[in-house]
Amino acid sequence: MTQYSGQAEISGIGGGRSAQLSVILVLFILLCVVIGMFFPSPLASEGGSAMGKDPVPFNIVNQTSYVFFMYKISGDIGGYPTSFDLRPNGGSTTVYVINPSVRSRKEVTSSFLVHPARGGADYDRDGLVNVTMAVFESSIAGSYRRFDRVQFVREPIYGSIIYDISGLTLTFRTS
């Protein structure tokens, strides 16, 4: 008579059908990794520019002694801004607007908190500026690419700010 010691198979390593499924699963995972290495996704390789086709770049420059912090951006965004934090005396960012099809208007609005270089942002006390950039393409009417609105919702309590627009560049200055 034969006695069994009561051993039991706990995992699929011991052989049988579950071992075959484990090998197939491991091979499938390796295949996915190899395919991902040799054929990368086009979205991953293009970065932020994959959001819009030939987006229109708008430059915003800070020539004040204040920090401009872009806390919100909305609209037809054609790519990620180059910076959300415009440092004093020369900090800048580029905001991208989707290049529209014919007879279409696209716009992006960026909202900035304006605060002194020392200390952090305080939404209740800092200045608040909204900048709207627009692109309009038309084969019949005139096309344009421009800063549509610069709105000082709340002036900074530290001093007043003025701005200049030259083409697709907006520059803030202390008055």
Foldseek 3Di string as FASTA:
>chain_A
DDDDPPDDDDACPVDDDRVVVVVVVVVVVVVVVVCCVVPPDPDVVVAFQVLADPWDKFKEWAAEQKKKAFPDKDWQFRGDKPDRIQHYRTRMIITTHHADDAADKTKMKTKIWIGHPPDDGDVVQTWIKIWMWMWHHHPPDDTDTGTPDIDGPGAHPVAGWDWDDDHRYIYIYGD
